[in-house]
Amino acid sequence: EESRAIPGKDTRKAFDRYVGAAEAAPIAFGQILYRSVLKNS
């Protein structure tokens, strides 16, 4: 089992990682927006 992938390590193919980054982009941008509002209080 020691030769297997480390838990938490990203073992996806490069294209899958690019698509994953694009899929997560709206959530990442939205998180920046509402955090900029919530941090004022």
All heavy atoms as atom14 arrays in JSON, in Angstrom:
{
  "sequence": "EESRAIPGKDTRKAFDRYVGAAEAAPIAFGQILYRSVLKNS",
  "atom14_mask": [
    [1, 1, 1, 1, 1, 1, 1, 1, 1, 0, 0, 0, 0, 0],
    [1, 1, 1, 1, 1, 1, 1, 1, 1, 0, 0, 0, 0, 0],
    [1, 1, 1, 1, 1, 1, 0, 0, 0, 0, 0, 0, 0, 0],
    [1, 1, 1, 1, 1, 1, 1, 1, 1, 1, 1, 0, 0, 0],
    [1, 1, 1, 1, 1, 0, 0, 0, 0, 0, 0, 0, 0, 0],
    [1, 1, 1, 1, 1, 1, 1, 1, 0, 0, 0, 0, 0, 0],
    [1, 1, 1, 1, 1, 1, 1, 0, 0, 0, 0, 0, 0, 0],
    [1, 1, 1, 1, 0, 0, 0, 0, 0, 0, 0, 0, 0, 0],
    [1, 1, 1, 1, 1, 1, 1, 1, 1, 0, 0, 0, 0, 0],
    [1, 1, 1, 1, 1, 1, 1, 1, 0, 0, 0, 0, 0, 0],
    [1, 1, 1, 1, 1, 1, 1, 0, 0, 0, 0, 0, 0, 0],
    [1, 1, 1, 1, 1, 1, 1, 1, 1, 1, 1, 0, 0, 0],
    [1, 1, 1, 1, 1, 1, 1, 1, 1, 0, 0, 0, 0, 0],
    [1, 1, 1, 1, 1, 0, 0, 0, 0, 0, 0, 0, 0, 0],
    [1, 1, 1, 1, 1, 1, 1, 1, 1, 1, 1, 0, 0, 0],
    [1, 1, 1, 1, 1, 1, 1, 1, 0, 0, 0, 0, 0, 0],
    [1, 1, 1, 1, 1, 1, 1, 1, 1, 1, 1, 0, 0, 0],
    [1, 1, 1, 1, 1, 1, 1, 1, 1, 1, 1, 1, 0, 0],
    [1, 1, 1, 1, 1, 1, 1, 0, 0, 0, 0, 0, 0, 0],
    [1, 1, 1, 1, 0, 0, 0, 0, 0, 0, 0, 0, 0, 0],
    [1, 1, 1, 1, 1, 0, 0, 0, 0, 0, 0, 0, 0, 0],
    [1, 1, 1, 1, 1, 0, 0, 0, 0, 0, 0, 0, 0, 0],
    [1, 1, 1, 1, 1, 1, 1, 1, 1, 0, 0, 0, 0, 0],
    [1, 1, 1, 1, 1, 0, 0, 0, 0, 0, 0, 0, 0, 0],
    [1, 1, 1, 1, 1, 0, 0, 0, 0, 0, 0, 0, 0, 0],
    [1, 1, 1, 1, 1, 1, 1, 0, 0, 0, 0, 0, 0, 0],
    [1, 1, 1, 1, 1, 1, 1, 1, 0, 0, 0, 0, 0, 0],
    [1, 1, 1, 1, 1, 0, 0, 0, 0, 0, 0, 0, 0, 0],
    [1, 1, 1, 1, 1, 1, 1, 1, 1, 1, 1, 0, 0, 0],
    [1, 1, 1, 1, 0, 0, 0, 0, 0, 0, 0, 0, 0, 0],
    [1, 1, 1, 1, 1, 1, 1, 1, 1, 0, 0, 0, 0, 0],
    [1, 1, 1, 1, 1, 1, 1, 1, 0, 0, 0, 0, 0, 0],
    [1, 1, 1, 1, 1, 1, 1, 1, 0, 0, 0, 0, 0, 0],
    [1, 1, 1, 1, 1, 1, 1, 1, 1, 1, 1, 1, 0, 0],
    [1, 1, 1, 1, 1, 1, 1, 1, 1, 1, 1, 0, 0, 0],
    [1, 1, 1, 1, 1, 1, 0, 0, 0, 0, 0, 0, 0, 0],
    [1, 1, 1, 1, 1, 1, 1, 0, 0, 0, 0, 0, 0, 0],
    [1, 1, 1, 1, 1, 1, 1, 1, 0, 0, 0, 0, 0, 0],
    [1, 1, 1, 1, 1, 1, 1, 1, 1, 0, 0, 0, 0, 0],
    [1, 1, 1, 1, 1, 1, 1, 1, 0, 0, 0, 0, 0, 0],
    [1, 1, 1, 1, 1, 1, 0, 0, 0, 0, 0, 0, 0, 0]
  ],
  "atom14_positions": [
    [[0.82, -1.21, 0.0], [0.0, 0.0, 0.0], [0.85, 1.25, 0.0], [0.38, 2.33, -0.37], [-0.92, 0.02, 1.22], [-2.12, -0.92, 1.11], [-1.72, -2.37, 1.31], [-0.57, -2.63, 1.74], [-2.53, -3.27, 1.0], [0.0, 0.0, 0.0], [0.0, 0.0, 0.0], [0.0, 0.0, 0.0], [0.0, 0.0, 0.0], [0.0, 0.0, 0.0]],
    [[2.13, 1.16, 0.43], [2.96, 2.34, 0.49], [3.24, 2.91, -0.89], [3.55, 4.07, -1.04], [4.29, 1.99, 1.18], [4.14, 1.7, 2.65], [5.46, 1.38, 3.3], [6.48, 1.42, 2.59], [5.47, 1.12, 4.52], [0.0, 0.0, 0.0], [0.0, 0.0, 0.0], [0.0, 0.0, 0.0], [0.0, 0.0, 0.0], [0.0, 0.0, 0.0]],
    [[3.18, 2.06, -1.92], [3.45, 2.52, -3.28], [2.25, 3.14, -3.94], [2.34, 3.64, -5.05], [3.96, 1.35, -4.12], [2.96, 0.33, -4.19], [0.0, 0.0, 0.0], [0.0, 0.0, 0.0], [0.0, 0.0, 0.0], [0.0, 0.0, 0.0], [0.0, 0.0, 0.0], [0.0, 0.0, 0.0], [0.0, 0.0, 0.0], [0.0, 0.0, 0.0]],
    [[1.12, 3.09, -3.25], [-0.08, 3.66, -3.83], [-0.06, 5.17, -3.7], [0.79, 5.76, -3.07], [-1.32, 3.08, -3.15], [-1.49, 1.58, -3.39], [-2.74, 1.08, -2.7], [-2.91, -0.36, -2.89], [-3.88, -1.07, -2.35], [-4.78, -0.48, -1.57], [-3.96, -2.38, -2.56], [0.0, 0.0, 0.0], [0.0, 0.0, 0.0], [0.0, 0.0, 0.0]],
    [[-1.09, 5.79, -4.31], [-1.16, 7.26, -4.29], [-1.34, 7.75, -2.86], [-2.06, 7.15, -2.06], [-2.32, 7.74, -5.15], [0.0, 0.0, 0.0], [0.0, 0.0, 0.0], [0.0, 0.0, 0.0], [0.0, 0.0, 0.0], [0.0, 0.0, 0.0], [0.0, 0.0, 0.0], [0.0, 0.0, 0.0], [0.0, 0.0, 0.0], [0.0, 0.0, 0.0]],
    [[-0.7, 8.82, -2.52], [-0.81, 9.42, -1.2], [-2.19, 10.03, -1.05], [-2.67, 10.71, -1.95], [0.26, 10.51, -1.03], [1.65, 9.89, -1.19], [0.13, 11.19, 0.33], [2.76, 10.91, -1.18], [0.0, 0.0, 0.0], [0.0, 0.0, 0.0], [0.0, 0.0, 0.0], [0.0, 0.0, 0.0], [0.0, 0.0, 0.0], [0.0, 0.0, 0.0]],
    [[-2.9, 9.8, 0.07], [-4.22, 10.37, 0.26], [-4.17, 11.89, 0.17], [-3.31, 12.54, 0.78], [-4.6, 9.91, 1.68], [-3.79, 8.68, 1.9], [-2.51, 8.9, 1.17], [0.0, 0.0, 0.0], [0.0, 0.0, 0.0], [0.0, 0.0, 0.0], [0.0, 0.0, 0.0], [0.0, 0.0, 0.0], [0.0, 0.0, 0.0], [0.0, 0.0, 0.0]],
    [[-5.09, 12.46, -0.6], [-5.14, 13.9, -0.77], [-4.33, 14.41, -1.95], [-4.48, 15.56, -2.35], [0.0, 0.0, 0.0], [0.0, 0.0, 0.0], [0.0, 0.0, 0.0], [0.0, 0.0, 0.0], [0.0, 0.0, 0.0], [0.0, 0.0, 0.0], [0.0, 0.0, 0.0], [0.0, 0.0, 0.0], [0.0, 0.0, 0.0], [0.0, 0.0, 0.0]],
    [[-3.46, 13.56, -2.49], [-2.65, 13.98, -3.63], [-3.49, 13.97, -4.89], [-4.3, 13.06, -5.12], [-1.45, 13.05, -3.79], [-0.5, 13.46, -4.9], [0.69, 12.51, -4.96], [1.64, 12.92, -6.07], [2.79, 11.98, -6.17], [0.0, 0.0, 0.0], [0.0, 0.0, 0.0], [0.0, 0.0, 0.0], [0.0, 0.0, 0.0], [0.0, 0.0, 0.0]],
    [[-3.3, 14.96, -5.74], [-4.07, 15.08, -6.97], [-3.44, 14.18, -8.02], [-2.37, 14.47, -8.56], [-4.08, 16.53, -7.45], [-5.14, 16.76, -8.52], [-5.68, 15.77, -9.04], [-5.43, 17.94, -8.82], [0.0, 0.0, 0.0], [0.0, 0.0, 0.0], [0.0, 0.0, 0.0], [0.0, 0.0, 0.0], [0.0, 0.0, 0.0], [0.0, 0.0, 0.0]],
    [[-4.11, 13.07, -8.32], [-3.6, 12.12, -9.3], [-4.34, 12.2, -10.63], [-4.18, 11.32, -11.48], [-3.7, 10.69, -8.75], [-5.08, 10.4, -8.43], [-2.87, 10.53, -7.49], [0.0, 0.0, 0.0], [0.0, 0.0, 0.0], [0.0, 0.0, 0.0], [0.0, 0.0, 0.0], [0.0, 0.0, 0.0], [0.0, 0.0, 0.0], [0.0, 0.0, 0.0]],
    [[-5.13, 13.23, -10.82], [-5.89, 13.36, -12.07], [-4.98, 13.72, -13.23], [-3.89, 14.25, -13.07], [-6.96, 14.44, -11.92], [-8.03, 14.14, -10.89], [-8.95, 15.33, -10.7], [-8.24, 16.47, -10.18], [-8.73, 17.7, -10.14], [-9.94, 17.95, -10.63], [-8.04, 18.69, -9.62], [0.0, 0.0, 0.0], [0.0, 0.0, 0.0], [0.0, 0.0, 0.0]],
    [[-5.48, 13.44, -14.44], [-4.76, 13.84, -15.64], [-4.77, 15.36, -15.76], [-5.59, 16.04, -15.18], [-5.42, 13.2, -16.87], [-5.46, 11.68, -16.85], [-4.07, 11.08, -16.9], [-4.14, 9.56, -16.97], [-2.8, 8.94, -17.0], [0.0, 0.0, 0.0], [0.0, 0.0, 0.0], [0.0, 0.0, 0.0], [0.0, 0.0, 0.0], [0.0, 0.0, 0.0]],
    [[-3.83, 15.87, -16.56], [-3.66, 17.32, -16.68], [-4.94, 17.99, -17.19], [-5.37, 19.02, -16.66], [-2.5, 17.65, -17.61], [0.0, 0.0, 0.0], [0.0, 0.0, 0.0], [0.0, 0.0, 0.0], [0.0, 0.0, 0.0], [0.0, 0.0, 0.0], [0.0, 0.0, 0.0], [0.0, 0.0, 0.0], [0.0, 0.0, 0.0], [0.0, 0.0, 0.0]],
    [[-5.58, 17.41, -18.2], [-6.78, 18.02, -18.77], [-7.92, 18.03, -17.76], [-8.7, 18.99, -17.7], [-7.19, 17.3, -20.05], [-8.01, 18.15, -20.97], [-7.72, 19.49, -21.14], [-9.07, 17.62, -21.68], [-8.47, 20.29, -21.99], [-9.82, 18.4, -22.54], [-9.53, 19.74, -22.69], [0.0, 0.0, 0.0], [0.0, 0.0, 0.0], [0.0, 0.0, 0.0]],
    [[-8.02, 16.97, -16.96], [-9.04, 16.94, -15.92], [-8.79, 18.02, -14.87], [-9.72, 18.61, -14.33], [-9.08, 15.56, -15.24], [-9.96, 14.57, -15.97], [-10.93, 15.0, -16.61], [-9.67, 13.36, -15.92], [0.0, 0.0, 0.0], [0.0, 0.0, 0.0], [0.0, 0.0, 0.0], [0.0, 0.0, 0.0], [0.0, 0.0, 0.0], [0.0, 0.0, 0.0]],
    [[-7.51, 18.29, -14.58], [-7.19, 19.35, -13.62], [-7.57, 20.72, -14.17], [-8.07, 21.59, -13.44], [-5.7, 19.32, -13.26], [-5.3, 18.12, -12.44], [-3.97, 18.35, -11.74], [-2.89, 18.57, -12.7], [-2.12, 17.6, -13.19], [-2.33, 16.35, -12.82], [-1.14, 17.87, -14.03], [0.0, 0.0, 0.0], [0.0, 0.0, 0.0], [0.0, 0.0, 0.0]],
    [[-7.34, 20.95, -15.47], [-7.71, 22.23, -16.07], [-9.22, 22.43, -16.05], [-9.72, 23.52, -15.72], [-7.2, 22.29, -17.51], [-5.7, 22.19, -17.65], [-5.12, 21.6, -18.76], [-4.86, 22.68, -16.65], [-3.74, 21.5, -18.89], [-3.49, 22.57, -16.75], [-2.93, 21.99, -17.88], [-1.55, 21.89, -17.98], [0.0, 0.0, 0.0], [0.0, 0.0, 0.0]],
    [[-9.95, 21.38, -16.39], [-11.42, 21.46, -16.37], [-11.91, 21.66, -14.94], [-12.85, 22.41, -14.69], [-12.03, 20.2, -17.0], [-13.54, 20.14, -16.76], [-11.76, 20.17, -18.5], [0.0, 0.0, 0.0], [0.0, 0.0, 0.0], [0.0, 0.0, 0.0], [0.0, 0.0, 0.0], [0.0, 0.0, 0.0], [0.0, 0.0, 0.0], [0.0, 0.0, 0.0]],
    [[-11.27, 20.99, -13.99], [-11.64, 21.16, -12.59], [-11.42, 22.58, -12.11], [-12.23, 23.13, -11.36], [0.0, 0.0, 0.0], [0.0, 0.0, 0.0], [0.0, 0.0, 0.0], [0.0, 0.0, 0.0], [0.0, 0.0, 0.0], [0.0, 0.0, 0.0], [0.0, 0.0, 0.0], [0.0, 0.0, 0.0], [0.0, 0.0, 0.0], [0.0, 0.0, 0.0]],
    [[-10.31, 23.19, -12.53], [-10.04, 24.58, -12.15], [-11.09, 25.51, -12.75], [-11.54, 26.46, -12.1], [-8.65, 24.99, -12.62], [0.0, 0.0, 0.0], [0.0, 0.0, 0.0], [0.0, 0.0, 0.0], [0.0, 0.0, 0.0], [0.0, 0.0, 0.0], [0.0, 0.0, 0.0], [0.0, 0.0, 0.0], [0.0, 0.0, 0.0], [0.0, 0.0, 0.0]],
    [[-11.48, 25.25, -13.99], [-12.52, 26.07, -14.62], [-13.86, 25.88, -13.92], [-14.61, 26.84, -13.72], [-12.64, 25.71, -16.1], [0.0, 0.0, 0.0], [0.0, 0.0, 0.0], [0.0, 0.0, 0.0], [0.0, 0.0, 0.0], [0.0, 0.0, 0.0], [0.0, 0.0, 0.0], [0.0, 0.0, 0.0], [0.0, 0.0, 0.0], [0.0, 0.0, 0.0]],
    [[-14.17, 24.65, -13.54], [-15.44, 24.38, -12.85], [-15.49, 25.09, -11.5], [-16.55, 25.57, -11.09], [-15.6, 22.88, -12.65], [-16.9, 22.49, -11.96], [-16.95, 21.02, -11.59], [-15.88, 20.38, -11.52], [-18.06, 20.52, -11.35], [0.0, 0.0, 0.0], [0.0, 0.0, 0.0], [0.0, 0.0, 0.0], [0.0, 0.0, 0.0], [0.0, 0.0, 0.0]],
    [[-14.36, 25.17, -10.82], [-14.32, 25.8, -9.5], [-14.23, 27.32, -9.56], [-14.38, 27.99, -8.52], [-13.13, 25.26, -8.7], [0.0, 0.0, 0.0], [0.0, 0.0, 0.0], [0.0, 0.0, 0.0], [0.0, 0.0, 0.0], [0.0, 0.0, 0.0], [0.0, 0.0, 0.0], [0.0, 0.0, 0.0], [0.0, 0.0, 0.0], [0.0, 0.0, 0.0]],
    [[-13.98, 27.89, -10.74], [-13.76, 29.34, -10.87], [-14.93, 30.19, -10.36], [-14.71, 31.16, -9.62], [-13.42, 29.71, -12.31], [0.0, 0.0, 0.0], [0.0, 0.0, 0.0], [0.0, 0.0, 0.0], [0.0, 0.0, 0.0], [0.0, 0.0, 0.0], [0.0, 0.0, 0.0], [0.0, 0.0, 0.0], [0.0, 0.0, 0.0], [0.0, 0.0, 0.0]],
    [[-16.19, 29.88, -10.72], [-17.29, 30.71, -10.2], [-17.39, 30.7, -8.68], [-17.66, 31.74, -8.07], [-18.55, 30.1, -10.85], [-18.05, 29.39, -12.05], [-16.69, 28.88, -11.68], [0.0, 0.0, 0.0], [0.0, 0.0, 0.0], [0.0, 0.0, 0.0], [0.0, 0.0, 0.0], [0.0, 0.0, 0.0], [0.0, 0.0, 0.0], [0.0, 0.0, 0.0]],
    [[-17.18, 29.55, -8.06], [-17.23, 29.48, -6.6], [-16.08, 30.27, -5.99], [-16.26, 30.98, -4.99], [-17.2, 28.01, -6.14], [-18.58, 27.38, -6.37], [-16.82, 27.9, -4.67], [-18.7, 25.96, -5.88], [0.0, 0.0, 0.0], [0.0, 0.0, 0.0], [0.0, 0.0, 0.0], [0.0, 0.0, 0.0], [0.0, 0.0, 0.0], [0.0, 0.0, 0.0]],
    [[-14.89, 30.17, -6.59], [-13.73, 30.92, -6.08], [-13.97, 32.42, -6.18], [-13.69, 33.19, -5.24], [-12.47, 30.54, -6.85], [0.0, 0.0, 0.0], [0.0, 0.0, 0.0], [0.0, 0.0, 0.0], [0.0, 0.0, 0.0], [0.0, 0.0, 0.0], [0.0, 0.0, 0.0], [0.0, 0.0, 0.0], [0.0, 0.0, 0.0], [0.0, 0.0, 0.0]],
    [[-14.51, 32.87, -7.32], [-14.78, 34.29, -7.5], [-15.9, 34.76, -6.57], [-15.82, 35.84, -5.96], [-15.16, 34.57, -8.96], [-15.39, 36.01, -9.27], [-14.33, 36.91, -9.29], [-16.66, 36.48, -9.52], [-14.53, 38.25, -9.58], [-16.88, 37.82, -9.8], [-15.82, 38.71, -9.83], [0.0, 0.0, 0.0], [0.0, 0.0, 0.0], [0.0, 0.0, 0.0]],
    [[-16.95, 33.94, -6.45], [-18.04, 34.3, -5.55], [-17.59, 34.36, -4.1], [-18.05, 35.22, -3.34], [0.0, 0.0, 0.0], [0.0, 0.0, 0.0], [0.0, 0.0, 0.0], [0.0, 0.0, 0.0], [0.0, 0.0, 0.0], [0.0, 0.0, 0.0], [0.0, 0.0, 0.0], [0.0, 0.0, 0.0], [0.0, 0.0, 0.0], [0.0, 0.0, 0.0]],
    [[-16.68, 33.48, -3.72], [-16.18, 33.5, -2.36], [-15.41, 34.78, -2.06], [-15.51, 35.35, -0.97], [-15.26, 32.28, -2.14], [-14.72, 32.17, -0.73], [-14.01, 30.85, -0.5], [-14.56, 29.91, 0.04], [-12.76, 30.77, -0.93], [0.0, 0.0, 0.0], [0.0, 0.0, 0.0], [0.0, 0.0, 0.0], [0.0, 0.0, 0.0], [0.0, 0.0, 0.0]],
    [[-14.65, 35.26, -3.05], [-13.93, 36.52, -2.87], [-14.91, 37.67, -2.69], [-14.71, 38.56, -1.83], [-13.02, 36.78, -4.08], [-11.9, 35.74, -4.14], [-12.42, 38.18, -4.01], [-11.06, 35.82, -5.39], [0.0, 0.0, 0.0], [0.0, 0.0, 0.0], [0.0, 0.0, 0.0], [0.0, 0.0, 0.0], [0.0, 0.0, 0.0], [0.0, 0.0, 0.0]],
    [[-16.0, 37.67, -3.45], [-16.97, 38.75, -3.37], [-17.66, 38.79, -2.01], [-17.71, 39.85, -1.36], [-18.01, 38.6, -4.49], [-17.54, 38.9, -5.91], [-18.68, 38.7, -6.9], [-16.99, 40.33, -6.01], [0.0, 0.0, 0.0], [0.0, 0.0, 0.0], [0.0, 0.0, 0.0], [0.0, 0.0, 0.0], [0.0, 0.0, 0.0], [0.0, 0.0, 0.0]],
    [[-18.21, 37.66, -1.58], [-18.97, 37.74, -0.32], [-18.07, 37.84, 0.89], [-18.46, 38.36, 1.93], [-19.99, 36.59, -0.19], [-19.45, 35.2, -0.02], [-18.85, 34.8, 1.18], [-19.6, 34.26, -1.02], [-18.39, 33.51, 1.34], [-19.14, 32.97, -0.87], [-18.54, 32.61, 0.31], [-18.08, 31.33, 0.48], [0.0, 0.0, 0.0], [0.0, 0.0, 0.0]],
    [[-16.83, 37.37, 0.79], [-15.9, 37.59, 1.9], [-15.52, 39.07, 2.01], [-15.31, 39.57, 3.12], [-14.64, 36.75, 1.7], [-14.78, 35.32, 2.21], [-13.48, 34.56, 2.12], [-13.56, 33.27, 2.79], [-12.56, 32.4, 2.84], [-11.41, 32.68, 2.26], [-12.71, 31.25, 3.48], [0.0, 0.0, 0.0], [0.0, 0.0, 0.0], [0.0, 0.0, 0.0]],
    [[-15.45, 39.74, 0.87], [-15.14, 41.17, 0.91], [-16.26, 41.96, 1.56], [-16.02, 43.04, 2.12], [-14.89, 41.7, -0.51], [-16.06, 41.59, -1.3], [0.0, 0.0, 0.0], [0.0, 0.0, 0.0], [0.0, 0.0, 0.0], [0.0, 0.0, 0.0], [0.0, 0.0, 0.0], [0.0, 0.0, 0.0], [0.0, 0.0, 0.0], [0.0, 0.0, 0.0]],
    [[-17.47, 41.43, 1.51], [-18.61, 42.08, 2.16], [-18.67, 41.71, 3.64], [-18.85, 42.57, 4.51], [-19.92, 41.7, 1.46], [-21.12, 42.28, 2.21], [-19.92, 42.2, 0.02], [0.0, 0.0, 0.0], [0.0, 0.0, 0.0], [0.0, 0.0, 0.0], [0.0, 0.0, 0.0], [0.0, 0.0, 0.0], [0.0, 0.0, 0.0], [0.0, 0.0, 0.0]],
    [[-18.49, 40.41, 3.94], [-18.64, 39.95, 5.32], [-17.51, 40.43, 6.23], [-17.7, 40.56, 7.45], [-18.69, 38.42, 5.35], [-19.91, 37.77, 4.71], [-19.78, 36.25, 4.73], [-21.19, 38.19, 5.42], [0.0, 0.0, 0.0], [0.0, 0.0, 0.0], [0.0, 0.0, 0.0], [0.0, 0.0, 0.0], [0.0, 0.0, 0.0], [0.0, 0.0, 0.0]],
    [[-16.34, 40.71, 5.66], [-15.21, 41.11, 6.5], [-15.38, 42.5, 7.12], [-14.63, 42.88, 8.02], [-13.91, 41.08, 5.7], [-13.8, 42.18, 4.67], [-12.46, 42.11, 3.94], [-12.31, 43.25, 2.95], [-11.01, 43.19, 2.23], [0.0, 0.0, 0.0], [0.0, 0.0, 0.0], [0.0, 0.0, 0.0], [0.0, 0.0, 0.0], [0.0, 0.0, 0.0]],
    [[-16.38, 43.25, 6.66], [-16.58, 44.6, 7.17], [-17.24, 44.63, 8.55], [-17.31, 45.68, 9.17], [-17.43, 45.41, 6.18], [-16.72, 45.62, 4.86], [-15.5, 45.81, 4.84], [-17.46, 45.57, 3.76], [0.0, 0.0, 0.0], [0.0, 0.0, 0.0], [0.0, 0.0, 0.0], [0.0, 0.0, 0.0], [0.0, 0.0, 0.0], [0.0, 0.0, 0.0]],
    [[-17.73, 43.49, 9.01], [-18.34, 43.44, 10.33], [-17.78, 42.25, 11.11], [-17.38, 41.24, 10.52], [-19.87, 43.3, 10.23], [-20.23, 42.06, 9.65], [0.0, 0.0, 0.0], [0.0, 0.0, 0.0], [0.0, 0.0, 0.0], [0.0, 0.0, 0.0], [0.0, 0.0, 0.0], [0.0, 0.0, 0.0], [0.0, 0.0, 0.0], [0.0, 0.0, 0.0]]
  ]
}
